[in-house]
Each structure stands twice: as C-alpha cells, then as structure tokens.
C-alpha cells in the first residue's frame, strides 16, 4: 500500500504530464513545502499573469493558510494561483483558479 506522500507525488506527476501534453512548460518542486507544487507556463506566455502556480490536492481540500500563501506568492509575482484536484482515484483532473481566499472559479489549461 502506498503512503499519502506517494499518492500525492503520483498525482503531482499526473497533473504535470497532463499540462505538458497540452504544450505547457511545467516545473515541479517536490518536497519543498512551498505554496505551490508546479509552475506551469503556457506555450505562448505574453505576460507573466499567464503563468500558473499549481497546488495539487487529491481531494481538493486546501487549508485557508495554504490558499492564502499561494495567493500571496501568485500576487507578488503576477501569476495565476490554481488548485488541481480529483474527486476519485484515477478520475479526471479538475482545476480551480483562486480569486481570493474564499472564492474559486474554474480554470482550464
């Protein structure tokens, strides 16, 4: 049986591969305890606000503190704070864009 860390890392790699398949340049910061797990740059990034800082959560549950930290980093660098999650093992990956600490809006890579 796998550990929560292994399941989370596998999900991060899955999201990374999905974004790369869509042409994005993606870097991963494993085990760094940073506010985001992935930094994703679209194929044509005309502005830095097209860059997504992605936090991967298997069930889409992110603490207010983690959401706030992600929002602060994204705001500082002019990036989009995004949550990637799935509702079931091996299910579809969903994305939400953080507009503030409480409101989420769908995001599509």
C-alpha atoms as a PDB file:
ATOM      1  CA  UNK A   1       0.000   0.000   0.000  1.00  0.00           C
ATOM      2  CA  UNK A   2       1.272   3.485  -0.763  1.00  0.00           C
ATOM      3  CA  UNK A   3       1.743   6.334   1.689  1.00  0.00           C
ATOM      4  CA  UNK A   4      -0.093   9.677   1.478  1.00  0.00           C
ATOM      5  CA  UNK A   5       3.189  11.248   0.265  1.00  0.00           C
ATOM      6  CA  UNK A   6       3.497   8.683  -2.552  1.00  0.00           C
ATOM      7  CA  UNK A   7      -0.122   9.197  -3.614  1.00  0.00           C
ATOM      8  CA  UNK A   8       0.318  12.974  -3.585  1.00  0.00           C
ATOM      9  CA  UNK A   9       3.586  12.804  -5.536  1.00  0.00           C
ATOM     10  CA  UNK A  10       1.994  10.493  -8.105  1.00  0.00           C
ATOM     11  CA  UNK A  11      -0.888  12.959  -8.523  1.00  0.00           C
ATOM     12  CA  UNK A  12       1.554  15.869  -8.978  1.00  0.00           C
ATOM     13  CA  UNK A  13       3.341  13.915 -11.724  1.00  0.00           C
ATOM     14  CA  UNK A  14      -0.012  13.126 -13.357  1.00  0.00           C
ATOM     15  CA  UNK A  15      -1.038  16.807 -13.407  1.00  0.00           C
ATOM     16  CA  UNK A  16       2.428  17.743 -14.722  1.00  0.00           C
ATOM     17  CA  UNK A  17       2.138  15.210 -17.564  1.00  0.00           C
ATOM     18  CA  UNK A  18      -1.384  16.386 -18.438  1.00  0.00           C
ATOM     19  CA  UNK A  19      -0.281  20.013 -18.688  1.00  0.00           C
ATOM     20  CA  UNK A  20       2.828  19.054 -20.689  1.00  0.00           C
ATOM     21  CA  UNK A  21       0.625  17.077 -23.098  1.00  0.00           C
ATOM     22  CA  UNK A  22      -1.243  20.342 -23.703  1.00  0.00           C
ATOM     23  CA  UNK A  23       2.017  22.092 -24.569  1.00  0.00           C
ATOM     24  CA  UNK A  24       2.766  23.773 -21.243  1.00  0.00           C
ATOM     25  CA  UNK A  25       6.283  24.021 -19.778  1.00  0.00           C
ATOM     26  CA  UNK A  26       5.968  22.655 -16.233  1.00  0.00           C
ATOM     27  CA  UNK A  27       8.417  22.527 -13.348  1.00  0.00           C
ATOM     28  CA  UNK A  28       7.814  20.610 -10.138  1.00  0.00           C
ATOM     29  CA  UNK A  29       9.093  21.447  -6.663  1.00  0.00           C
ATOM     30  CA  UNK A  30       8.799  18.101  -4.837  1.00  0.00           C
ATOM     31  CA  UNK A  31       9.035  18.110  -1.067  1.00  0.00           C
ATOM     32  CA  UNK A  32       9.886  21.810  -0.965  1.00  0.00           C
ATOM     33  CA  UNK A  33       6.934  22.769   1.246  1.00  0.00           C
ATOM     34  CA  UNK A  34       6.439  25.798  -0.988  1.00  0.00           C
ATOM     35  CA  UNK A  35       2.933  27.241  -1.508  1.00  0.00           C
ATOM     36  CA  UNK A  36       2.776  25.582  -4.943  1.00  0.00           C
ATOM     37  CA  UNK A  37       3.742  22.188  -6.341  1.00  0.00           C
ATOM     38  CA  UNK A  38       4.006  23.083 -10.027  1.00  0.00           C
ATOM     39  CA  UNK A  39       4.800  26.180 -12.048  1.00  0.00           C
ATOM     40  CA  UNK A  40       3.182  25.987 -15.480  1.00  0.00           C
ATOM     41  CA  UNK A  41       3.964  28.311 -18.389  1.00  0.00           C
ATOM     42  CA  UNK A  42       1.629  28.185 -21.406  1.00  0.00           C
ATOM     43  CA  UNK A  43       3.035  27.606 -24.891  1.00  0.00           C
ATOM     44  CA  UNK A  44       2.893  31.346 -25.595  1.00  0.00           C
ATOM     45  CA  UNK A  45       3.332  33.404 -22.419  1.00  0.00           C
ATOM     46  CA  UNK A  46       2.962  37.004 -23.497  1.00  0.00           C
ATOM     47  CA  UNK A  47       2.531  38.186 -19.927  1.00  0.00           C
ATOM     48  CA  UNK A  48       3.634  36.746 -16.602  1.00  0.00           C
ATOM     49  CA  UNK A  49      -0.003  36.603 -15.461  1.00  0.00           C
ATOM     50  CA  UNK A  50      -0.396  33.684 -17.880  1.00  0.00           C
ATOM     51  CA  UNK A  51       1.925  31.638 -15.638  1.00  0.00           C
ATOM     52  CA  UNK A  52       0.099  29.304 -13.242  1.00  0.00           C
ATOM     53  CA  UNK A  53       1.324  28.313  -9.792  1.00  0.00           C
ATOM     54  CA  UNK A  54      -0.416  24.995  -9.189  1.00  0.00           C
ATOM     55  CA  UNK A  55      -1.109  23.376  -5.813  1.00  0.00           C
ATOM     56  CA  UNK A  56      -2.088  19.700  -6.227  1.00  0.00           C
ATOM     57  CA  UNK A  57      -4.549  18.197  -3.739  1.00  0.00           C
ATOM     58  CA  UNK A  58      -6.019  14.758  -4.309  1.00  0.00           C
ATOM     59  CA  UNK A  59      -9.446  15.619  -2.887  1.00  0.00           C
ATOM     60  CA  UNK A  60      -9.401  19.359  -3.483  1.00  0.00           C
ATOM     61  CA  UNK A  61      -9.118  20.213   0.207  1.00  0.00           C
ATOM     62  CA  UNK A  62      -6.726  23.088   0.826  1.00  0.00           C
ATOM     63  CA  UNK A  63      -6.412  24.910   4.128  1.00  0.00           C
ATOM     64  CA  UNK A  64      -7.132  28.619   4.325  1.00  0.00           C
ATOM     65  CA  UNK A  65      -3.497  29.179   5.311  1.00  0.00           C
ATOM     66  CA  UNK A  66      -2.193  27.265   2.283  1.00  0.00           C
ATOM     67  CA  UNK A  67      -4.656  29.028  -0.028  1.00  0.00           C
ATOM     68  CA  UNK A  68      -3.618  32.406   1.373  1.00  0.00           C
ATOM     69  CA  UNK A  69       0.091  31.582   0.985  1.00  0.00           C
ATOM     70  CA  UNK A  70      -0.456  30.503  -2.620  1.00  0.00           C
ATOM     71  CA  UNK A  71      -2.453  33.663  -3.290  1.00  0.00           C
ATOM     72  CA  UNK A  72       0.260  35.887  -1.787  1.00  0.00           C
ATOM     73  CA  UNK A  73       3.049  34.309  -3.860  1.00  0.00           C
ATOM     74  CA  UNK A  74       0.949  34.463  -7.025  1.00  0.00           C
ATOM     75  CA  UNK A  75       0.054  38.099  -6.403  1.00  0.00           C
ATOM     76  CA  UNK A  76       3.667  39.031  -5.670  1.00  0.00           C
ATOM     77  CA  UNK A  77       4.850  37.602  -8.980  1.00  0.00           C
ATOM     78  CA  UNK A  78       1.727  38.374 -11.028  1.00  0.00           C
ATOM     79  CA  UNK A  79       0.836  34.728 -11.630  1.00  0.00           C
ATOM     80  CA  UNK A  80      -2.400  32.734 -11.518  1.00  0.00           C
ATOM     81  CA  UNK A  81      -2.947  30.640  -8.354  1.00  0.00           C
ATOM     82  CA  UNK A  82      -4.532  27.322  -9.329  1.00  0.00           C
ATOM     83  CA  UNK A  83      -5.707  24.237  -7.437  1.00  0.00           C
ATOM     84  CA  UNK A  84      -5.557  20.876  -9.267  1.00  0.00           C
ATOM     85  CA  UNK A  85      -7.606  18.070  -7.759  1.00  0.00           C
ATOM     86  CA  UNK A  86      -9.508  14.880  -8.483  1.00  0.00           C
ATOM     87  CA  UNK A  87     -12.631  13.523  -6.831  1.00  0.00           C
ATOM     88  CA  UNK A  88     -11.770   9.839  -7.222  1.00  0.00           C
ATOM     89  CA  UNK A  89      -8.680   7.724  -7.716  1.00  0.00           C
ATOM     90  CA  UNK A  90      -7.634   7.886 -11.361  1.00  0.00           C
ATOM     91  CA  UNK A  91     -10.542  10.248 -12.018  1.00  0.00           C
ATOM     92  CA  UNK A  92     -10.437  13.356 -14.192  1.00  0.00           C
ATOM     93  CA  UNK A  93      -8.221  16.205 -13.050  1.00  0.00           C
ATOM     94  CA  UNK A  94     -10.142  19.396 -12.265  1.00  0.00           C
ATOM     95  CA  UNK A  95      -8.683  22.873 -11.948  1.00  0.00           C
ATOM     96  CA  UNK A  96      -9.859  25.871  -9.956  1.00  0.00           C
ATOM     97  CA  UNK A  97      -8.471  29.378 -10.039  1.00  0.00           C
ATOM     98  CA  UNK A  98      -8.151  31.165  -6.706  1.00  0.00           C
ATOM     99  CA  UNK A  99      -9.626  34.648  -6.945  1.00  0.00           C
ATOM    100  CA  UNK A 100      -9.382  35.304  -3.203  1.00  0.00           C
ATOM    101  CA  UNK A 101      -9.084  33.252  -0.015  1.00  0.00           C
ATOM    102  CA  UNK A 102     -12.696  32.060  -0.210  1.00  0.00           C
ATOM    103  CA  UNK A 103     -13.870  32.096  -3.852  1.00  0.00           C
ATOM    104  CA  UNK A 104     -12.804  29.632  -6.537  1.00  0.00           C
ATOM    105  CA  UNK A 105     -13.511  29.802 -10.257  1.00  0.00           C
ATOM    106  CA  UNK A 106     -12.969  27.061 -12.832  1.00  0.00           C
ATOM    107  CA  UNK A 107      -9.685  27.241 -14.735  1.00  0.00           C
ATOM    108  CA  UNK A 108      -8.757  25.452 -17.942  1.00  0.00           C
ATOM    109  CA  UNK A 109      -5.186  24.854 -19.065  1.00  0.00           C
END
